[in-house]
Amino acid sequence: MNLLNQSLASTFELMLTVTKNNPVVAEIDIFPVEPEQQQSLVDKLIEDIRIVFKQQPGFVAAAIHRSRDGQRVVNYVQWKSQKDYEAYINSEVPLISSRLSAFPAPNSRLYEVFISEPAD
């Protein structure tokens, strides 16, 4: 992991809260990817978070997950409400962001936290 990715990872880590009592909705995008393109996709998603998502009303936080086998990337994005998510999806912003067009389309869904259970 390069220095930029380490810095971004620690920044994103501090912002995410996944609990039943947190009223956000979560967009989860699962991208299939060839192992040799996994890092490139991660880099493009980081760009999207910094340039696109952080400018959207209702954006709360995001996290990017890489599978250890190199075949998947999961983008986890929290929105304040479903209305904010839908406003983003229905805007022209997703059309402007062409950085991901070289990769297979993700399986994307909107989720709510149903239960969160800490270790203790």
C-alpha atoms as a PDB file:
ATOM      1  CA  MET A   1       0.000   0.000   0.000  1.00  0.00           C
ATOM      2  CA  ASN A   2       1.499   3.316  -1.012  1.00  0.00           C
ATOM      3  CA  LEU A   3       1.629   6.367   1.267  1.00  0.00           C
ATOM      4  CA  LEU A   4      -1.423   8.022  -0.337  1.00  0.00           C
ATOM      5  CA  ASN A   5      -3.527   4.892   0.140  1.00  0.00           C
ATOM      6  CA  GLN A   6      -2.348   4.550   3.766  1.00  0.00           C
ATOM      7  CA  SER A   7      -3.316   8.150   4.473  1.00  0.00           C
ATOM      8  CA  LEU A   8      -6.720   7.760   2.812  1.00  0.00           C
ATOM      9  CA  ALA A   9      -7.351   4.447   4.573  1.00  0.00           C
ATOM     10  CA  SER A  10      -6.732   5.987   7.981  1.00  0.00           C
ATOM     11  CA  THR A  11      -8.930   8.996   7.118  1.00  0.00           C
ATOM     12  CA  PHE A  12     -11.846   6.846   5.935  1.00  0.00           C
ATOM     13  CA  GLU A  13     -11.472   4.512   8.913  1.00  0.00           C
ATOM     14  CA  LEU A  14     -12.118   7.330  11.366  1.00  0.00           C
ATOM     15  CA  MET A  15     -15.323   8.456   9.652  1.00  0.00           C
ATOM     16  CA  LEU A  16     -17.281   5.192   9.326  1.00  0.00           C
ATOM     17  CA  THR A  17     -19.781   4.119  11.947  1.00  0.00           C
ATOM     18  CA  VAL A  18     -21.668   0.898  11.351  1.00  0.00           C
ATOM     19  CA  THR A  19     -24.277   0.473  14.065  1.00  0.00           C
ATOM     20  CA  LYS A  20     -27.992  -0.143  14.184  1.00  0.00           C
ATOM     21  CA  ASN A  21     -28.448   3.253  15.875  1.00  0.00           C
ATOM     22  CA  ASN A  22     -26.739   5.141  13.052  1.00  0.00           C
ATOM     23  CA  PRO A  23     -29.607   6.164  10.715  1.00  0.00           C
ATOM     24  CA  VAL A  24     -27.525   6.183   7.510  1.00  0.00           C
ATOM     25  CA  VAL A  25     -28.178   4.032   4.464  1.00  0.00           C
ATOM     26  CA  ALA A  26     -25.335   2.155   2.844  1.00  0.00           C
ATOM     27  CA  GLU A  27     -24.621   1.759  -0.835  1.00  0.00           C
ATOM     28  CA  ILE A  28     -22.595  -1.402  -1.377  1.00  0.00           C
ATOM     29  CA  ASP A  29     -20.992  -1.851  -4.806  1.00  0.00           C
ATOM     30  CA  ILE A  30     -19.320  -5.191  -5.519  1.00  0.00           C
ATOM     31  CA  PHE A  31     -16.967  -5.079  -8.499  1.00  0.00           C
ATOM     32  CA  PRO A  32     -15.626  -8.256 -10.112  1.00  0.00           C
ATOM     33  CA  VAL A  33     -12.090  -7.590 -11.300  1.00  0.00           C
ATOM     34  CA  GLU A  34      -9.052  -9.380 -12.651  1.00  0.00           C
ATOM     35  CA  PRO A  35      -6.301  -9.551 -10.000  1.00  0.00           C
ATOM     36  CA  GLU A  36      -3.892  -7.498 -12.126  1.00  0.00           C
ATOM     37  CA  GLN A  37      -6.466  -4.669 -12.323  1.00  0.00           C
ATOM     38  CA  GLN A  38      -7.558  -4.654  -8.681  1.00  0.00           C
ATOM     39  CA  GLN A  39      -5.228  -1.860  -7.544  1.00  0.00           C
ATOM     40  CA  SER A  40      -6.123   0.272 -10.544  1.00  0.00           C
ATOM     41  CA  LEU A  41      -9.815  -0.012  -9.655  1.00  0.00           C
ATOM     42  CA  VAL A  42      -9.073   0.852  -6.023  1.00  0.00           C
ATOM     43  CA  ASP A  43      -7.159   3.940  -7.176  1.00  0.00           C
ATOM     44  CA  LYS A  44     -10.064   5.031  -9.412  1.00  0.00           C
ATOM     45  CA  LEU A  45     -12.540   4.573  -6.566  1.00  0.00           C
ATOM     46  CA  ILE A  46     -10.350   6.689  -4.298  1.00  0.00           C
ATOM     47  CA  GLU A  47     -10.431   9.408  -6.968  1.00  0.00           C
ATOM     48  CA  ASP A  48     -14.233   9.148  -7.151  1.00  0.00           C
ATOM     49  CA  ILE A  49     -14.546   9.472  -3.394  1.00  0.00           C
ATOM     50  CA  ARG A  50     -12.319  12.538  -3.290  1.00  0.00           C
ATOM     51  CA  ILE A  51     -13.591  14.273  -6.432  1.00  0.00           C
ATOM     52  CA  VAL A  52     -17.234  13.185  -6.736  1.00  0.00           C
ATOM     53  CA  PHE A  53     -18.744  11.660  -3.595  1.00  0.00           C
ATOM     54  CA  LYS A  54     -17.335  14.131  -1.080  1.00  0.00           C
ATOM     55  CA  GLN A  55     -19.023  16.950  -3.017  1.00  0.00           C
ATOM     56  CA  GLN A  56     -22.496  15.368  -2.856  1.00  0.00           C
ATOM     57  CA  PRO A  57     -25.151  16.505  -0.373  1.00  0.00           C
ATOM     58  CA  GLY A  58     -25.841  13.716   2.089  1.00  0.00           C
ATOM     59  CA  PHE A  59     -22.535  11.888   1.628  1.00  0.00           C
ATOM     60  CA  VAL A  60     -21.317  10.648   5.029  1.00  0.00           C
ATOM     61  CA  ALA A  61     -18.343   8.328   4.514  1.00  0.00           C
ATOM     62  CA  ALA A  62     -16.877   5.591   2.349  1.00  0.00           C
ATOM     63  CA  ALA A  63     -14.639   2.547   2.636  1.00  0.00           C
ATOM     64  CA  ILE A  64     -12.998   0.482  -0.051  1.00  0.00           C
ATOM     65  CA  HIS A  65     -12.341  -3.214   0.510  1.00  0.00           C
ATOM     66  CA  ARG A  66     -10.036  -5.416  -1.584  1.00  0.00           C
ATOM     67  CA  SER A  67     -10.490  -9.171  -1.604  1.00  0.00           C
ATOM     68  CA  ARG A  68      -7.318 -11.047  -0.752  1.00  0.00           C
ATOM     69  CA  ASP A  69      -7.653 -13.193  -3.884  1.00  0.00           C
ATOM     70  CA  GLY A  70      -7.614 -10.056  -6.057  1.00  0.00           C
ATOM     71  CA  GLN A  71     -10.970 -10.824  -7.720  1.00  0.00           C
ATOM     72  CA  ARG A  72     -13.313  -8.348  -6.011  1.00  0.00           C
ATOM     73  CA  VAL A  73     -13.410  -4.765  -4.816  1.00  0.00           C
ATOM     74  CA  VAL A  74     -16.212  -3.582  -2.562  1.00  0.00           C
ATOM     75  CA  ASN A  75     -17.076   0.086  -2.299  1.00  0.00           C
ATOM     76  CA  TYR A  76     -19.090   0.873   0.845  1.00  0.00           C
ATOM     77  CA  VAL A  77     -20.665   4.350   0.851  1.00  0.00           C
ATOM     78  CA  GLN A  78     -22.818   5.810   3.614  1.00  0.00           C
ATOM     79  CA  TRP A  79     -25.523   8.379   2.843  1.00  0.00           C
ATOM     80  CA  LYS A  80     -27.554  10.406   5.358  1.00  0.00           C
ATOM     81  CA  SER A  81     -30.795   9.215   3.778  1.00  0.00           C
ATOM     82  CA  GLN A  82     -32.264   7.282   0.878  1.00  0.00           C
ATOM     83  CA  LYS A  83     -33.412  10.639  -0.508  1.00  0.00           C
ATOM     84  CA  ASP A  84     -29.784  11.856  -0.632  1.00  0.00           C
ATOM     85  CA  TYR A  85     -28.670   8.629  -2.323  1.00  0.00           C
ATOM     86  CA  GLU A  86     -31.460   8.869  -4.897  1.00  0.00           C
ATOM     87  CA  ALA A  87     -30.653  12.523  -5.590  1.00  0.00           C
ATOM     88  CA  TYR A  88     -27.075  11.504  -6.354  1.00  0.00           C
ATOM     89  CA  ILE A  89     -28.107   8.533  -8.537  1.00  0.00           C
ATOM     90  CA  ASN A  90     -30.638  10.635 -10.475  1.00  0.00           C
ATOM     91  CA  SER A  91     -28.235  13.540 -11.031  1.00  0.00           C
ATOM     92  CA  GLU A  92     -25.879  13.888 -13.961  1.00  0.00           C
ATOM     93  CA  VAL A  93     -22.864  13.344 -11.693  1.00  0.00           C
ATOM     94  CA  PRO A  94     -22.680   9.537 -12.199  1.00  0.00           C
ATOM     95  CA  LEU A  95     -22.630  10.124 -15.964  1.00  0.00           C
ATOM     96  CA  ILE A  96     -19.739  12.566 -15.653  1.00  0.00           C
ATOM     97  CA  SER A  97     -17.612  10.060 -13.750  1.00  0.00           C
ATOM     98  CA  SER A  98     -16.165   7.895 -16.494  1.00  0.00           C
ATOM     99  CA  ARG A  99     -13.111   6.745 -14.524  1.00  0.00           C
ATOM    100  CA  LEU A 100     -14.738   3.356 -13.887  1.00  0.00           C
ATOM    101  CA  SER A 101     -15.876   2.635 -17.439  1.00  0.00           C
ATOM    102  CA  ALA A 102     -12.887   0.345 -18.098  1.00  0.00           C
ATOM    103  CA  PHE A 103     -14.061  -2.063 -15.372  1.00  0.00           C
ATOM    104  CA  PRO A 104     -17.032  -4.451 -15.256  1.00  0.00           C
ATOM    105  CA  ALA A 105     -20.192  -2.890 -13.827  1.00  0.00           C
ATOM    106  CA  PRO A 106     -20.657  -3.520 -10.122  1.00  0.00           C
ATOM    107  CA  ASN A 107     -23.523  -5.256  -8.410  1.00  0.00           C
ATOM    108  CA  SER A 108     -24.924  -2.257  -6.487  1.00  0.00           C
ATOM    109  CA  ARG A 109     -27.612  -2.184  -3.821  1.00  0.00           C
ATOM    110  CA  LEU A 110     -28.787   0.094  -1.020  1.00  0.00           C
ATOM    111  CA  TYR A 111     -28.760  -1.388   2.494  1.00  0.00           C
ATOM    112  CA  GLU A 112     -29.672  -0.484   6.035  1.00  0.00           C
ATOM    113  CA  VAL A 113     -27.901  -1.851   9.081  1.00  0.00           C
ATOM    114  CA  PHE A 114     -30.176  -4.519  10.489  1.00  0.00           C
ATOM    115  CA  ILE A 115     -28.029  -5.497  13.444  1.00  0.00           C
ATOM    116  CA  SER A 116     -24.541  -4.766  14.686  1.00  0.00           C
ATOM    117  CA  GLU A 117     -23.024  -6.910  17.393  1.00  0.00           C
ATOM    118  CA  PRO A 118     -19.732  -5.975  19.080  1.00  0.00           C
ATOM    119  CA  ALA A 119     -17.351  -8.661  20.329  1.00  0.00           C
ATOM    120  CA  ASP A 120     -17.983  -7.783  23.963  1.00  0.00           C
END
